[in-house]
Amino acid sequence: MGMVDITKKEIIRRRAEAMGKITLSPNTIRLIRSGAIKKGDPLIVAEISAINASKQVHLLIPHCHQIPLDMVRVDFEVADDSIQAKCIVKAQARTGVEMEALVAVSIALNTIWDMVKYLEKDLQGQYPGTRITDIIVIKKEKYIPKQP
């Protein structure tokens, strides 16, 4: 079995976009917006974590190829009871970058959860309202060069 052989595939520009959401209490969102989280700004830390994670996918998922990434962008949309993370990844490679985008989104959301978990726990130490959901690939593109 082993890793798929992609040596015969052309190196082309590729782009993938993924997103996901974490549901948090309105109080946690208020504290994030006011800069009052004990560990610092979750969005800044989540952005750095996502970028780092996207570059490590080949170490996390055994059949993923190591891809030198050209660009990783992470954006957040903060609502009253949730935060949406969106990640765009670009590379010039023989294989797509959707796994890099998905892992980046997942790690961004997990980083946010880690930074605010002390606020989200109930008296039994559980997370009754905290959820990471809707992690999806929004779009995957490859730019095939036009043949003369």
N, C-alpha and C. Protein backbone atom coordinates (compact mmCIF):
# COMPACT_ATOMS: atom_id res chain seq x y z
N MET A 1 0.84 -1.18 0.00
CA MET A 1 0.00 0.00 0.00
C MET A 1 0.89 1.25 0.00
N GLY A 2 1.05 1.91 1.12
CA GLY A 2 1.94 3.06 1.22
C GLY A 2 1.34 4.35 0.70
N MET A 3 2.17 5.35 0.65
CA MET A 3 1.76 6.67 0.19
C MET A 3 1.54 6.65 -1.32
N VAL A 4 0.56 7.39 -1.80
CA VAL A 4 0.25 7.46 -3.22
C VAL A 4 1.42 8.13 -3.96
N ASP A 5 1.81 7.54 -5.07
CA ASP A 5 2.89 8.08 -5.89
C ASP A 5 2.35 9.20 -6.77
N ILE A 6 2.82 10.42 -6.55
CA ILE A 6 2.35 11.57 -7.32
C ILE A 6 3.43 12.14 -8.25
N THR A 7 4.51 11.39 -8.44
CA THR A 7 5.63 11.91 -9.22
C THR A 7 5.25 12.28 -10.66
N LYS A 8 4.23 11.64 -11.22
CA LYS A 8 3.84 11.93 -12.60
C LYS A 8 2.87 13.09 -12.72
N LYS A 9 2.39 13.56 -11.59
CA LYS A 9 1.46 14.70 -11.62
C LYS A 9 2.26 15.99 -11.80
N GLU A 10 1.67 16.95 -12.51
CA GLU A 10 2.32 18.24 -12.71
C GLU A 10 2.26 19.10 -11.45
N ILE A 11 3.26 19.92 -11.28
CA ILE A 11 3.23 20.92 -10.21
C ILE A 11 2.40 22.08 -10.73
N ILE A 12 1.29 22.36 -10.05
CA ILE A 12 0.42 23.46 -10.44
C ILE A 12 0.00 24.24 -9.19
N ARG A 13 -0.51 25.44 -9.43
CA ARG A 13 -1.01 26.26 -8.31
C ARG A 13 -2.29 25.64 -7.77
N ARG A 14 -2.35 25.55 -6.44
CA ARG A 14 -3.52 24.98 -5.78
C ARG A 14 -3.94 25.88 -4.64
N ARG A 15 -5.24 25.83 -4.35
CA ARG A 15 -5.80 26.67 -3.29
C ARG A 15 -6.94 25.90 -2.64
N ALA A 16 -7.01 25.99 -1.32
CA ALA A 16 -8.13 25.38 -0.60
C ALA A 16 -8.58 26.34 0.49
N GLU A 17 -9.88 26.31 0.73
CA GLU A 17 -10.49 27.17 1.73
C GLU A 17 -11.37 26.29 2.62
N ALA A 18 -11.19 26.40 3.93
CA ALA A 18 -11.98 25.63 4.88
C ALA A 18 -12.48 26.56 5.97
N MET A 19 -13.53 26.11 6.66
CA MET A 19 -14.06 26.91 7.76
C MET A 19 -14.68 25.99 8.81
N GLY A 20 -14.87 26.55 9.99
CA GLY A 20 -15.52 25.84 11.07
C GLY A 20 -15.94 26.83 12.13
N LYS A 21 -16.65 26.33 13.14
CA LYS A 21 -17.22 27.24 14.15
C LYS A 21 -17.07 26.65 15.54
N ILE A 22 -16.82 27.52 16.51
CA ILE A 22 -16.88 27.14 17.91
C ILE A 22 -17.98 27.97 18.58
N THR A 23 -18.86 27.27 19.28
CA THR A 23 -19.93 27.93 20.02
C THR A 23 -19.46 28.13 21.45
N LEU A 24 -19.59 29.35 21.93
CA LEU A 24 -19.15 29.73 23.28
C LEU A 24 -20.26 30.52 23.97
N SER A 25 -20.13 30.68 25.26
CA SER A 25 -21.12 31.47 26.00
C SER A 25 -20.97 32.95 25.62
N PRO A 26 -22.06 33.70 25.67
CA PRO A 26 -21.97 35.14 25.39
C PRO A 26 -20.98 35.85 26.32
N ASN A 27 -20.86 35.39 27.57
CA ASN A 27 -19.89 36.00 28.49
C ASN A 27 -18.46 35.78 28.01
N THR A 28 -18.16 34.58 27.53
CA THR A 28 -16.82 34.31 27.01
C THR A 28 -16.52 35.19 25.81
N ILE A 29 -17.49 35.33 24.91
CA ILE A 29 -17.32 36.20 23.74
C ILE A 29 -17.07 37.63 24.19
N ARG A 30 -17.81 38.09 25.17
CA ARG A 30 -17.64 39.45 25.69
C ARG A 30 -16.22 39.65 26.22
N LEU A 31 -15.71 38.66 26.96
CA LEU A 31 -14.35 38.75 27.51
C LEU A 31 -13.28 38.69 26.42
N ILE A 32 -13.52 37.90 25.38
CA ILE A 32 -12.59 37.88 24.25
C ILE A 32 -12.54 39.25 23.59
N ARG A 33 -13.72 39.82 23.34
CA ARG A 33 -13.79 41.14 22.70
C ARG A 33 -13.13 42.23 23.54
N SER A 34 -13.22 42.11 24.86
CA SER A 34 -12.66 43.15 25.74
C SER A 34 -11.19 42.91 26.07
N GLY A 35 -10.62 41.81 25.58
CA GLY A 35 -9.21 41.53 25.83
C GLY A 35 -8.93 41.05 27.24
N ALA A 36 -9.89 40.37 27.86
CA ALA A 36 -9.77 39.98 29.26
C ALA A 36 -9.53 38.49 29.48
N ILE A 37 -9.05 37.77 28.48
CA ILE A 37 -8.77 36.35 28.64
C ILE A 37 -7.40 36.19 29.30
N LYS A 38 -7.34 35.36 30.34
CA LYS A 38 -6.11 35.19 31.14
C LYS A 38 -4.88 34.82 30.32
N LYS A 39 -5.05 33.94 29.33
CA LYS A 39 -3.90 33.47 28.54
C LYS A 39 -3.53 34.41 27.40
N GLY A 40 -4.28 35.48 27.21
CA GLY A 40 -3.99 36.41 26.12
C GLY A 40 -5.11 36.41 25.08
N ASP A 41 -4.82 36.97 23.94
CA ASP A 41 -5.82 37.08 22.87
C ASP A 41 -5.96 35.75 22.13
N PRO A 42 -7.08 35.05 22.30
CA PRO A 42 -7.25 33.75 21.66
C PRO A 42 -7.17 33.79 20.13
N LEU A 43 -7.59 34.88 19.53
CA LEU A 43 -7.59 34.94 18.07
C LEU A 43 -6.18 35.04 17.51
N ILE A 44 -5.33 35.79 18.17
CA ILE A 44 -3.93 35.90 17.72
C ILE A 44 -3.23 34.56 17.89
N VAL A 45 -3.41 33.95 19.05
CA VAL A 45 -2.77 32.66 19.31
C VAL A 45 -3.32 31.59 18.36
N ALA A 46 -4.63 31.61 18.12
CA ALA A 46 -5.25 30.64 17.22
C ALA A 46 -4.75 30.81 15.79
N GLU A 47 -4.53 32.04 15.37
CA GLU A 47 -3.99 32.27 14.03
C GLU A 47 -2.60 31.66 13.88
N ILE A 48 -1.74 31.91 14.85
CA ILE A 48 -0.38 31.35 14.81
C ILE A 48 -0.43 29.83 14.87
N SER A 49 -1.29 29.28 15.73
CA SER A 49 -1.42 27.82 15.83
C SER A 49 -1.89 27.22 14.52
N ALA A 50 -2.84 27.87 13.87
CA ALA A 50 -3.37 27.37 12.60
C ALA A 50 -2.30 27.37 11.51
N ILE A 51 -1.55 28.44 11.43
CA ILE A 51 -0.48 28.51 10.42
C ILE A 51 0.55 27.41 10.67
N ASN A 52 0.94 27.27 11.92
CA ASN A 52 1.91 26.23 12.27
C ASN A 52 1.36 24.84 11.95
N ALA A 53 0.11 24.58 12.30
CA ALA A 53 -0.49 23.28 12.06
C ALA A 53 -0.56 22.96 10.57
N SER A 54 -0.89 23.95 9.75
CA SER A 54 -1.00 23.71 8.31
C SER A 54 0.33 23.25 7.72
N LYS A 55 1.43 23.68 8.31
CA LYS A 55 2.75 23.28 7.83
C LYS A 55 3.20 21.93 8.37
N GLN A 56 2.43 21.36 9.30
CA GLN A 56 2.80 20.09 9.93
C GLN A 56 1.88 18.93 9.56
N VAL A 57 0.98 19.12 8.62
CA VAL A 57 -0.02 18.10 8.30
C VAL A 57 0.61 16.77 7.94
N HIS A 58 1.69 16.80 7.21
CA HIS A 58 2.34 15.55 6.80
C HIS A 58 2.85 14.74 8.00
N LEU A 59 3.07 15.40 9.13
CA LEU A 59 3.49 14.70 10.35
C LEU A 59 2.30 14.15 11.12
N LEU A 60 1.13 14.71 10.89
CA LEU A 60 -0.07 14.33 11.63
C LEU A 60 -0.91 13.28 10.92
N ILE A 61 -0.97 13.36 9.60
CA ILE A 61 -1.80 12.45 8.80
C ILE A 61 -0.84 11.65 7.91
N PRO A 62 -0.68 10.37 8.19
CA PRO A 62 0.39 9.57 7.57
C PRO A 62 0.44 9.57 6.04
N HIS A 63 -0.70 9.61 5.37
CA HIS A 63 -0.66 9.53 3.91
C HIS A 63 -0.61 10.89 3.21
N CYS A 64 -0.52 11.96 3.96
CA CYS A 64 -0.39 13.29 3.36
C CYS A 64 1.05 13.55 2.96
N HIS A 65 1.21 14.15 1.80
CA HIS A 65 2.53 14.51 1.32
C HIS A 65 2.99 15.81 1.99
N GLN A 66 4.28 15.95 2.12
CA GLN A 66 4.85 17.20 2.64
C GLN A 66 4.79 18.23 1.51
N ILE A 67 4.08 19.32 1.77
CA ILE A 67 3.87 20.32 0.74
C ILE A 67 4.42 21.66 1.23
N PRO A 68 5.33 22.26 0.46
CA PRO A 68 5.78 23.61 0.83
C PRO A 68 4.66 24.62 0.51
N LEU A 69 4.16 25.26 1.54
CA LEU A 69 3.03 26.17 1.37
C LEU A 69 3.52 27.56 0.97
N ASP A 70 2.78 28.18 0.07
CA ASP A 70 3.09 29.53 -0.37
C ASP A 70 2.39 30.59 0.47
N MET A 71 1.20 30.23 0.99
CA MET A 71 0.43 31.20 1.77
C MET A 71 -0.58 30.48 2.64
N VAL A 72 -0.72 30.97 3.86
CA VAL A 72 -1.78 30.52 4.77
C VAL A 72 -2.38 31.77 5.38
N ARG A 73 -3.70 31.90 5.25
CA ARG A 73 -4.38 33.05 5.85
C ARG A 73 -5.51 32.53 6.73
N VAL A 74 -5.60 33.08 7.92
CA VAL A 74 -6.64 32.68 8.86
C VAL A 74 -7.42 33.93 9.25
N ASP A 75 -8.74 33.84 9.12
CA ASP A 75 -9.62 34.95 9.49
C ASP A 75 -10.66 34.45 10.48
N PHE A 76 -11.11 35.36 11.34
CA PHE A 76 -12.12 35.02 12.33
C PHE A 76 -13.28 35.99 12.23
N GLU A 77 -14.47 35.44 12.43
CA GLU A 77 -15.67 36.24 12.50
C GLU A 77 -16.30 35.96 13.86
N VAL A 78 -16.37 37.00 14.69
CA VAL A 78 -16.87 36.83 16.05
C VAL A 78 -18.34 37.27 16.11
N ALA A 79 -19.20 36.34 16.50
CA ALA A 79 -20.63 36.62 16.69
C ALA A 79 -20.90 36.67 18.19
N ASP A 80 -22.15 36.85 18.57
CA ASP A 80 -22.50 36.96 19.99
C ASP A 80 -22.33 35.66 20.76
N ASP A 81 -22.39 34.51 20.07
CA ASP A 81 -22.28 33.23 20.77
C ASP A 81 -21.37 32.23 20.06
N SER A 82 -20.55 32.72 19.13
CA SER A 82 -19.66 31.81 18.40
C SER A 82 -18.55 32.58 17.70
N ILE A 83 -17.56 31.81 17.28
CA ILE A 83 -16.48 32.35 16.46
C ILE A 83 -16.32 31.41 15.28
N GLN A 84 -16.32 31.97 14.10
CA GLN A 84 -16.07 31.21 12.88
C GLN A 84 -14.63 31.42 12.46
N ALA A 85 -13.93 30.34 12.19
CA ALA A 85 -12.56 30.41 11.67
C ALA A 85 -12.59 30.00 10.21
N LYS A 86 -11.86 30.74 9.40
CA LYS A 86 -11.77 30.44 7.97
C LYS A 86 -10.30 30.46 7.60
N CYS A 87 -9.87 29.47 6.84
CA CYS A 87 -8.46 29.37 6.47
C CYS A 87 -8.34 29.16 4.97
N ILE A 88 -7.43 29.90 4.37
CA ILE A 88 -7.10 29.75 2.95
C ILE A 88 -5.63 29.34 2.87
N VAL A 89 -5.38 28.30 2.09
CA VAL A 89 -4.02 27.80 1.91
C VAL A 89 -3.72 27.75 0.41
N LYS A 90 -2.53 28.21 0.05
CA LYS A 90 -2.09 28.16 -1.35
C LYS A 90 -0.73 27.47 -1.43
N ALA A 91 -0.52 26.75 -2.52
CA ALA A 91 0.76 26.10 -2.77
C ALA A 91 0.91 25.83 -4.26
N GLN A 92 2.13 25.61 -4.67
CA GLN A 92 2.42 25.09 -6.00
C GLN A 92 2.91 23.67 -5.76
N ALA A 93 2.07 22.70 -6.10
CA ALA A 93 2.36 21.33 -5.71
C ALA A 93 1.72 20.33 -6.66
N ARG A 94 2.01 19.05 -6.41
CA ARG A 94 1.45 17.96 -7.20
C ARG A 94 0.14 17.44 -6.61
N THR A 95 -0.19 17.89 -5.41
CA THR A 95 -1.40 17.43 -4.73
C THR A 95 -2.05 18.60 -3.99
N GLY A 96 -3.33 18.44 -3.70
CA GLY A 96 -4.10 19.54 -3.12
C GLY A 96 -3.74 19.88 -1.69
N VAL A 97 -4.28 21.00 -1.25
CA VAL A 97 -3.96 21.52 0.09
C VAL A 97 -5.20 21.62 0.99
N GLU A 98 -6.24 20.84 0.65
CA GLU A 98 -7.45 20.91 1.47
C GLU A 98 -7.23 20.34 2.87
N MET A 99 -6.38 19.33 3.03
CA MET A 99 -6.11 18.80 4.37
C MET A 99 -5.39 19.85 5.22
N GLU A 100 -4.51 20.61 4.60
CA GLU A 100 -3.81 21.67 5.32
C GLU A 100 -4.80 22.72 5.82
N ALA A 101 -5.77 23.07 4.99
CA ALA A 101 -6.78 24.05 5.39
C ALA A 101 -7.68 23.50 6.50
N LEU A 102 -8.10 22.24 6.37
CA LEU A 102 -8.96 21.62 7.38
C LEU A 102 -8.26 21.50 8.73
N VAL A 103 -7.01 21.07 8.71
CA VAL A 103 -6.26 20.94 9.97
C VAL A 103 -6.04 22.31 10.60
N ALA A 104 -5.75 23.30 9.78
CA ALA A 104 -5.54 24.65 10.30
C ALA A 104 -6.80 25.16 11.01
N VAL A 105 -7.96 24.98 10.40
CA VAL A 105 -9.22 25.42 11.01
C VAL A 105 -9.46 24.67 12.32
N SER A 106 -9.28 23.38 12.29
CA SER A 106 -9.50 22.56 13.48
C SER A 106 -8.60 22.99 14.63
N ILE A 107 -7.34 23.20 14.35
CA ILE A 107 -6.40 23.61 15.40
C ILE A 107 -6.71 25.02 15.89
N ALA A 108 -7.11 25.91 15.00
CA ALA A 108 -7.50 27.26 15.43
C ALA A 108 -8.64 27.19 16.44
N LEU A 109 -9.66 26.40 16.12
CA LEU A 109 -10.82 26.29 17.01
C LEU A 109 -10.46 25.60 18.33
N ASN A 110 -9.62 24.57 18.26
CA ASN A 110 -9.17 23.91 19.49
C ASN A 110 -8.32 24.83 20.36
N THR A 111 -7.54 25.69 19.73
CA THR A 111 -6.73 26.65 20.47
C THR A 111 -7.62 27.65 21.20
N ILE A 112 -8.64 28.12 20.52
CA ILE A 112 -9.59 29.03 21.19
C ILE A 112 -10.21 28.34 22.39
N TRP A 113 -10.67 27.11 22.20
CA TRP A 113 -11.29 26.35 23.30
C TRP A 113 -10.31 26.25 24.47
N ASP A 114 -9.06 25.88 24.18
CA ASP A 114 -8.06 25.74 25.25
C ASP A 114 -7.88 27.04 26.03
N MET A 115 -7.91 28.14 25.33
CA MET A 115 -7.65 29.42 26.00
C MET A 115 -8.82 29.94 26.83
N VAL A 116 -10.03 29.44 26.53
CA VAL A 116 -11.21 29.94 27.26
C VAL A 116 -11.91 28.85 28.07
N LYS A 117 -11.33 27.68 28.15
CA LYS A 117 -12.02 26.56 28.80
C LYS A 117 -12.36 26.84 30.26
N TYR A 118 -11.55 27.61 30.94
CA TYR A 118 -11.84 27.93 32.35
C TYR A 118 -13.14 28.72 32.48
N LEU A 119 -13.54 29.41 31.43
CA LEU A 119 -14.80 30.16 31.44
C LEU A 119 -15.99 29.31 31.01
N GLU A 120 -15.74 28.28 30.25
CA GLU A 120 -16.80 27.48 29.65
C GLU A 120 -17.24 26.29 30.52
N LYS A 121 -16.42 25.90 31.49
CA LYS A 121 -16.75 24.75 32.34
C LYS A 121 -17.91 25.05 33.27
N ASP A 122 -18.73 24.00 33.50
CA ASP A 122 -19.77 24.14 34.51
C ASP A 122 -19.22 23.67 35.86
N LEU A 123 -20.04 23.58 36.88
CA LEU A 123 -19.58 23.21 38.23
C LEU A 123 -19.04 21.77 38.30
N GLN A 124 -19.42 20.92 37.36
CA GLN A 124 -18.91 19.55 37.31
C GLN A 124 -17.68 19.42 36.38
N GLY A 125 -17.21 20.54 35.87
CA GLY A 125 -16.05 20.52 34.98
C GLY A 125 -16.36 20.10 33.55
N GLN A 126 -17.62 20.14 33.19
CA GLN A 126 -18.04 19.75 31.84
C GLN A 126 -18.27 21.00 30.97
N TYR A 127 -18.45 20.78 29.69
CA TYR A 127 -18.63 21.87 28.72
C TYR A 127 -20.00 21.73 28.06
N PRO A 128 -21.07 22.05 28.75
CA PRO A 128 -22.41 21.78 28.22
C PRO A 128 -22.78 22.57 26.97
N GLY A 129 -22.22 23.74 26.78
CA GLY A 129 -22.61 24.55 25.62
C GLY A 129 -21.51 24.76 24.61
N THR A 130 -20.31 24.33 24.91
CA THR A 130 -19.18 24.56 24.02
C THR A 130 -19.16 23.48 22.95
N ARG A 131 -19.08 23.90 21.69
CA ARG A 131 -19.11 22.95 20.57
C ARG A 131 -18.22 23.45 19.44
N ILE A 132 -17.49 22.53 18.85
CA ILE A 132 -16.80 22.80 17.58
C ILE A 132 -17.61 22.05 16.52
N THR A 133 -18.09 22.80 15.53
CA THR A 133 -18.97 22.21 14.51
C THR A 133 -18.66 22.77 13.13
N ASP A 134 -19.29 22.15 12.15
CA ASP A 134 -19.35 22.67 10.78
C ASP A 134 -17.99 22.87 10.14
N ILE A 135 -17.03 21.99 10.42
CA ILE A 135 -15.74 22.08 9.75
C ILE A 135 -15.90 21.48 8.36
N ILE A 136 -15.72 22.32 7.36
CA ILE A 136 -15.93 21.90 5.97
C ILE A 136 -14.90 22.53 5.04
N VAL A 137 -14.73 21.91 3.89
CA VAL A 137 -13.98 22.53 2.80
C VAL A 137 -14.98 23.36 2.02
N ILE A 138 -14.74 24.64 1.97
CA ILE A 138 -15.62 25.55 1.23
C ILE A 138 -15.34 25.44 -0.27
N LYS A 139 -14.04 25.41 -0.58
CA LYS A 139 -13.65 25.43 -1.99
C LYS A 139 -12.25 24.85 -2.14
N LYS A 140 -12.08 24.12 -3.22
CA LYS A 140 -10.77 23.59 -3.59
C LYS A 140 -10.55 23.95 -5.05
N GLU A 141 -9.39 24.52 -5.35
CA GLU A 141 -9.13 24.95 -6.73
C GLU A 141 -7.76 24.48 -7.17
N LYS A 142 -7.65 24.20 -8.46
CA LYS A 142 -6.34 24.01 -9.06
C LYS A 142 -6.31 24.76 -10.37
N TYR A 143 -5.21 25.43 -10.60
CA TYR A 143 -5.06 26.29 -11.77
C TYR A 143 -4.26 25.54 -12.81
N ILE A 144 -4.98 24.96 -13.74
CA ILE A 144 -4.31 24.18 -14.80
C ILE A 144 -3.86 25.14 -15.89
N PRO A 145 -2.57 25.13 -16.18
CA PRO A 145 -2.06 26.04 -17.23
C PRO A 145 -2.67 25.72 -18.58
N LYS A 146 -2.97 26.76 -19.33
CA LYS A 146 -3.53 26.57 -20.68
C LYS A 146 -2.44 26.07 -21.61
N GLN A 147 -2.81 25.09 -22.40
CA GLN A 147 -1.87 24.52 -23.37
C GLN A 147 -1.86 25.38 -24.64
N PRO A 148 -0.68 25.67 -25.17
CA PRO A 148 -0.60 26.51 -26.39
C PRO A 148 -1.12 25.79 -27.61
